[in-house]
Amino acid sequence: MKDNVKRITTGFIFMFVLILVLVLNNALIDSIFVALLSFVGIYEYNKCFKLKGHHPIPLVGYASCLGIFLLGENIDSSVKMNMVAIVLPILLVIMFGYIVVKKLEVNIVDIAITIFSILYVPFLFSFIKILFLLPHGRIFAILAFTSSICTDTFAYEIGSRFGKHKLSPTVSPKKSIEGSVAGIIGSSVGCVIVSLITNAYFATEFNIIVIAIIGVVLSIVGQIGDLAASSIKRYCGQKDFSNILPGHGGILDRFDSVMFIAPILYAFIYLLKIV
């Protein structure tokens, strides 16, 4: 009972913060919000691998999160590319120099884990900020979170009651095929409802059939993101990435599906020109 109260309370607080960010519609607040998620995510990721005995380089991961503040800034794209071209070799020199300084206490595997942390955490999180920057960006962000929340809710409620066939017993034993299907349906329905509301009141012109299909794909992608996070935790022998969100685990536990959904939603928007 206490765990459910913690989970619900944390969920309401998170929703309040998210709604506040969406309503304020401020570029700096958007950057701070996404960067904070990334900073905490890097901390949780590094902590998880350290408990397994690895030695990722935290400074590199934290520094990469600062790039989120550059998204949307009025800087020429060629300048941004030049910045990346300069920063990446410097980071590689720092990491391999770190191996020498640490006398092989840190090794090539730790560098690989560190590089992956950049791709897994700030890079994926950055697409939430990219969605914010689009026309109707707030609505697209709501669609991303709606897909994630509906998938998790429907998958849990149906799976816990009627789930009999394991989805991926080696990675996440509690997840069922029945729950997965329910999550896909829930995501599609949730995205359609959001789109009907925005079409009626916010001058969007979303094709409802296209949105329904997108809701299905986003749910599948989100579930892959959930299983990806589970595979990392299982490898490291951890139940949760952290307990920063009582009843939910850590930031990476709560956002594991959104991190995958946001870039795929952006891909749909870009390819289908639905803005």
Protein backbone atom coordinates (compact mmCIF):
# COMPACT_ATOMS: atom_id res chain seq x y z
CA MET A 1 0.00 0.00 0.00
CA LYS A 2 2.77 2.42 0.94
CA ASP A 3 4.60 1.64 -2.31
CA ASN A 4 1.47 2.46 -4.32
CA VAL A 5 1.06 5.77 -2.46
CA LYS A 6 4.71 6.63 -3.19
CA ARG A 7 4.31 5.68 -6.83
CA ILE A 8 1.14 7.73 -7.29
CA THR A 9 2.54 10.74 -5.40
CA THR A 10 5.75 10.70 -7.43
CA GLY A 11 3.72 10.35 -10.63
CA PHE A 12 1.62 13.41 -9.79
CA ILE A 13 4.70 15.48 -8.93
CA PHE A 14 6.37 14.48 -12.19
CA MET A 15 3.24 15.30 -14.20
CA PHE A 16 3.03 18.70 -12.48
CA VAL A 17 6.66 19.49 -13.40
CA LEU A 18 6.14 18.31 -16.98
CA ILE A 19 2.96 20.35 -17.40
CA LEU A 20 4.72 23.38 -15.92
CA VAL A 21 7.55 23.05 -18.45
CA LEU A 22 5.06 22.68 -21.30
CA VAL A 23 2.95 25.64 -20.21
CA LEU A 24 5.85 28.02 -19.54
CA ASN A 25 7.11 27.43 -23.11
CA ASN A 26 10.52 28.96 -22.39
CA ALA A 27 13.63 27.85 -24.31
CA LEU A 28 15.95 28.16 -21.31
CA ILE A 29 13.60 26.20 -19.05
CA ASP A 30 13.30 23.53 -21.77
CA SER A 31 17.09 23.24 -21.91
CA ILE A 32 17.44 23.10 -18.12
CA PHE A 33 14.71 20.43 -17.89
CA VAL A 34 16.26 18.15 -20.53
CA ALA A 35 19.83 18.80 -19.33
CA LEU A 36 18.87 17.89 -15.75
CA LEU A 37 17.32 14.65 -16.97
CA SER A 38 20.56 13.94 -18.84
CA PHE A 39 22.84 14.81 -15.90
CA VAL A 40 20.91 12.54 -13.56
CA GLY A 41 20.73 9.87 -16.26
CA ILE A 42 24.53 9.92 -16.69
CA TYR A 43 24.95 9.64 -12.92
CA GLU A 44 22.62 6.61 -12.78
CA TYR A 45 24.23 4.98 -15.81
CA ASN A 46 27.75 5.37 -14.42
CA LYS A 47 26.70 4.19 -10.96
CA CYS A 48 25.13 1.07 -12.47
CA PHE A 49 28.27 0.10 -14.38
CA LYS A 50 30.53 0.94 -11.43
CA LEU A 51 28.60 -1.56 -9.32
CA LYS A 52 29.46 -4.13 -11.99
CA GLY A 53 33.14 -3.29 -11.60
CA HIS A 54 33.64 -0.99 -14.59
CA HIS A 55 35.13 2.51 -14.48
CA PRO A 56 33.31 4.84 -16.90
CA ILE A 57 34.66 8.40 -17.08
CA PRO A 58 31.89 10.58 -15.61
CA LEU A 59 33.34 13.96 -16.60
CA VAL A 60 33.01 13.11 -20.30
CA GLY A 61 29.37 12.10 -19.87
CA TYR A 62 28.47 15.21 -17.85
CA ALA A 63 30.24 17.50 -20.33
CA SER A 64 28.28 16.01 -23.22
CA CYS A 65 25.01 17.03 -21.53
CA LEU A 66 25.93 20.69 -21.96
CA GLY A 67 25.44 20.33 -25.71
CA ILE A 68 21.69 20.34 -25.10
CA PHE A 69 21.88 24.08 -24.38
CA LEU A 70 23.18 24.67 -27.94
CA LEU A 71 20.14 23.08 -29.58
CA GLY A 72 17.98 25.74 -31.18
CA GLU A 73 20.48 28.52 -30.64
CA ASN A 74 21.03 30.88 -33.55
CA ILE A 75 24.41 29.43 -34.50
CA ASP A 76 25.30 28.60 -38.08
CA SER A 77 25.12 24.84 -38.73
CA SER A 78 28.64 24.81 -40.19
CA VAL A 79 29.92 26.37 -36.95
CA LYS A 80 28.14 23.67 -34.94
CA MET A 81 29.68 20.95 -37.12
CA ASN A 82 33.12 22.48 -36.67
CA MET A 83 32.57 22.53 -32.89
CA VAL A 84 31.73 18.81 -32.97
CA ALA A 85 34.74 18.09 -35.18
CA ILE A 86 36.99 19.84 -32.65
CA VAL A 87 35.41 18.50 -29.46
CA LEU A 88 35.30 14.79 -30.42
CA PRO A 89 39.08 14.36 -30.95
CA ILE A 90 39.73 16.29 -27.73
CA LEU A 91 37.43 13.93 -25.83
CA LEU A 92 39.18 10.90 -27.31
CA VAL A 93 42.58 12.28 -26.30
CA ILE A 94 41.29 12.95 -22.77
CA MET A 95 39.83 9.44 -22.44
CA PHE A 96 42.92 7.62 -23.69
CA GLY A 97 45.11 9.94 -21.60
CA TYR A 98 42.96 8.93 -18.63
CA ILE A 99 43.89 5.29 -19.27
CA VAL A 100 47.58 6.20 -19.03
CA VAL A 101 47.13 8.30 -15.89
CA LYS A 102 45.09 5.56 -14.20
CA LYS A 103 47.68 2.94 -15.21
CA LEU A 104 45.09 0.69 -16.88
CA GLU A 105 42.66 0.83 -13.95
CA VAL A 106 40.50 2.36 -16.66
CA ASN A 107 40.65 0.42 -19.93
CA ILE A 108 39.25 0.34 -23.45
CA VAL A 109 36.02 -1.31 -22.25
CA ASP A 110 35.46 1.62 -19.88
CA ILE A 111 35.98 4.04 -22.78
CA ALA A 112 33.41 2.11 -24.85
CA ILE A 113 30.96 2.27 -21.93
CA THR A 114 31.63 6.01 -21.60
CA ILE A 115 31.06 6.68 -25.30
CA PHE A 116 27.86 4.65 -25.22
CA SER A 117 26.67 6.75 -22.26
CA ILE A 118 26.75 9.83 -24.52
CA LEU A 119 24.67 8.11 -27.19
CA TYR A 120 22.27 6.46 -24.74
CA VAL A 121 21.60 9.37 -22.39
CA PRO A 122 22.10 12.98 -23.60
CA PHE A 123 21.80 12.15 -27.31
CA LEU A 124 18.46 10.38 -26.92
CA PHE A 125 17.18 12.89 -24.34
CA SER A 126 18.10 15.75 -26.69
CA PHE A 127 15.24 14.76 -28.98
CA ILE A 128 12.78 15.90 -26.31
CA LYS A 129 14.31 19.38 -26.69
CA ILE A 130 14.23 19.00 -30.49
CA LEU A 131 10.51 18.20 -30.34
CA PHE A 132 9.97 21.36 -28.25
CA LEU A 133 11.62 23.40 -31.03
CA LEU A 134 9.22 22.24 -33.76
CA PRO A 135 6.00 23.98 -34.79
CA HIS A 136 3.36 22.48 -32.47
CA GLY A 137 6.35 21.14 -30.54
CA ARG A 138 4.48 21.08 -27.23
CA ILE A 139 1.80 18.91 -28.77
CA PHE A 140 4.37 16.50 -30.20
CA ALA A 141 6.03 16.25 -26.78
CA ILE A 142 2.62 15.46 -25.27
CA LEU A 143 2.15 12.73 -27.90
CA ALA A 144 5.54 11.22 -26.96
CA PHE A 145 4.72 11.16 -23.25
CA THR A 146 1.15 10.00 -23.92
CA SER A 147 2.45 7.02 -25.87
CA SER A 148 4.89 6.15 -23.10
CA ILE A 149 2.43 6.55 -20.22
CA CYS A 150 -0.42 4.73 -22.00
CA THR A 151 1.89 1.89 -23.00
CA ASP A 152 3.22 1.48 -19.45
CA THR A 153 -0.22 1.77 -17.84
CA PHE A 154 -2.12 -0.57 -20.15
CA ALA A 155 0.75 -3.09 -20.30
CA TYR A 156 0.98 -3.20 -16.50
CA GLU A 157 -2.76 -3.35 -15.79
CA ILE A 158 -3.58 -5.98 -18.42
CA GLY A 159 -0.32 -7.89 -18.11
CA SER A 160 -0.56 -8.22 -14.32
CA ARG A 161 -4.11 -9.56 -14.58
CA PHE A 162 -4.18 -11.61 -17.76
CA GLY A 163 -0.55 -12.07 -18.81
CA LYS A 164 0.29 -15.73 -19.38
CA HIS A 165 2.87 -15.69 -22.19
CA LYS A 166 6.27 -14.19 -21.42
CA LEU A 167 7.48 -11.47 -23.76
CA SER A 168 11.20 -11.73 -22.98
CA PRO A 169 11.80 -13.92 -19.92
CA THR A 170 15.59 -13.61 -20.00
CA VAL A 171 15.56 -9.80 -20.10
CA SER A 172 12.38 -8.87 -18.20
CA PRO A 173 10.55 -11.90 -16.75
CA LYS A 174 7.46 -9.96 -15.60
CA LYS A 175 6.52 -8.60 -19.03
CA SER A 176 3.95 -10.54 -21.03
CA ILE A 177 2.80 -10.62 -24.64
CA GLU A 178 -0.73 -9.82 -23.49
CA GLY A 179 0.53 -6.74 -21.66
CA SER A 180 2.61 -5.70 -24.66
CA VAL A 181 -0.40 -5.87 -27.01
CA ALA A 182 -2.52 -3.93 -24.51
CA GLY A 183 0.20 -1.29 -24.31
CA ILE A 184 0.25 -0.94 -28.10
CA ILE A 185 -3.54 -0.50 -28.22
CA GLY A 186 -3.45 1.94 -25.30
CA SER A 187 -0.74 4.04 -26.97
CA SER A 188 -2.62 4.21 -30.26
CA VAL A 189 -5.90 5.17 -28.57
CA GLY A 190 -4.17 7.74 -26.34
CA CYS A 191 -2.41 9.40 -29.28
CA VAL A 192 -5.66 9.51 -31.26
CA ILE A 193 -7.50 11.16 -28.35
CA VAL A 194 -4.77 13.80 -27.98
CA SER A 195 -4.86 14.45 -31.73
CA LEU A 196 -8.66 14.78 -31.81
CA ILE A 197 -8.44 17.35 -29.00
CA THR A 198 -5.64 19.34 -30.65
CA ASN A 199 -7.40 19.25 -34.03
CA ALA A 200 -10.53 20.65 -32.41
CA TYR A 201 -8.96 23.30 -30.15
CA PHE A 202 -5.38 24.01 -31.27
CA ALA A 203 -5.67 24.30 -35.06
CA THR A 204 -3.67 21.17 -35.86
CA GLU A 205 -4.64 19.07 -38.85
CA PHE A 206 -3.38 15.64 -37.89
CA ASN A 207 -4.56 12.69 -39.95
CA ILE A 208 -6.12 10.46 -37.31
CA ILE A 209 -5.36 7.22 -39.15
CA VAL A 210 -1.70 8.22 -39.49
CA ILE A 211 -1.57 9.17 -35.80
CA ALA A 212 -3.12 5.82 -34.83
CA ILE A 213 -0.42 4.00 -36.79
CA ILE A 214 2.28 6.22 -35.31
CA GLY A 215 0.90 5.41 -31.84
CA VAL A 216 1.37 1.70 -32.56
CA VAL A 217 4.96 2.15 -33.76
CA LEU A 218 5.87 4.45 -30.85
CA SER A 219 4.57 1.89 -28.36
CA ILE A 220 6.67 -0.87 -29.92
CA VAL A 221 9.73 1.40 -29.91
CA GLY A 222 9.03 2.43 -26.31
CA GLN A 223 8.83 -1.20 -25.23
CA ILE A 224 12.16 -1.86 -26.94
CA GLY A 225 13.56 1.08 -24.96
CA ASP A 226 12.17 -0.43 -21.76
CA LEU A 227 13.77 -3.79 -22.56
CA ALA A 228 17.04 -2.07 -23.48
CA ALA A 229 17.17 -0.46 -20.03
CA SER A 230 16.28 -3.81 -18.44
CA SER A 231 19.13 -5.49 -20.33
CA ILE A 232 21.62 -2.95 -18.93
CA LYS A 233 20.32 -3.42 -15.38
CA ARG A 234 20.33 -7.20 -15.72
CA TYR A 235 23.93 -7.16 -16.97
CA CYS A 236 24.94 -4.95 -14.05
CA GLY A 237 22.89 -6.97 -11.55
CA GLN A 238 20.64 -4.06 -10.50
CA LYS A 239 16.88 -3.88 -10.05
CA ASP A 240 16.66 -0.11 -10.68
CA PHE A 241 19.07 2.54 -11.89
CA SER A 242 18.45 4.52 -8.68
CA ASN A 243 15.66 5.40 -6.22
CA ILE A 244 15.52 9.12 -6.97
CA LEU A 245 11.84 8.74 -7.93
CA PRO A 246 10.17 6.81 -5.09
CA GLY A 247 8.02 4.00 -6.45
CA HIS A 248 9.42 4.43 -9.97
CA GLY A 249 13.18 3.93 -9.55
CA GLY A 250 15.45 6.36 -11.34
CA ILE A 251 15.22 8.81 -14.21
CA LEU A 252 16.38 6.13 -16.66
CA ASP A 253 13.77 3.74 -15.25
CA ARG A 254 10.99 6.27 -15.77
CA PHE A 255 12.15 7.70 -19.10
CA ASP A 256 13.54 4.56 -20.74
CA SER A 257 10.68 4.41 -23.25
CA VAL A 258 10.40 8.18 -23.92
CA MET A 259 14.13 8.26 -24.73
CA PHE A 260 13.46 5.91 -27.66
CA ILE A 261 10.05 7.31 -28.59
CA ALA A 262 11.16 10.95 -29.00
CA PRO A 263 13.72 10.37 -31.82
CA ILE A 264 11.41 7.99 -33.69
CA LEU A 265 8.54 10.49 -33.43
CA TYR A 266 10.87 13.16 -34.80
CA ALA A 267 11.75 10.82 -37.67
CA PHE A 268 8.04 10.43 -38.47
CA ILE A 269 7.56 14.21 -38.36
CA TYR A 270 10.55 14.77 -40.64
CA LEU A 271 9.73 12.04 -43.14
CA LEU A 272 5.97 12.52 -43.31
CA LYS A 273 6.06 16.33 -43.06
CA ILE A 274 3.21 16.31 -40.56
CA VAL A 275 3.93 19.78 -39.14
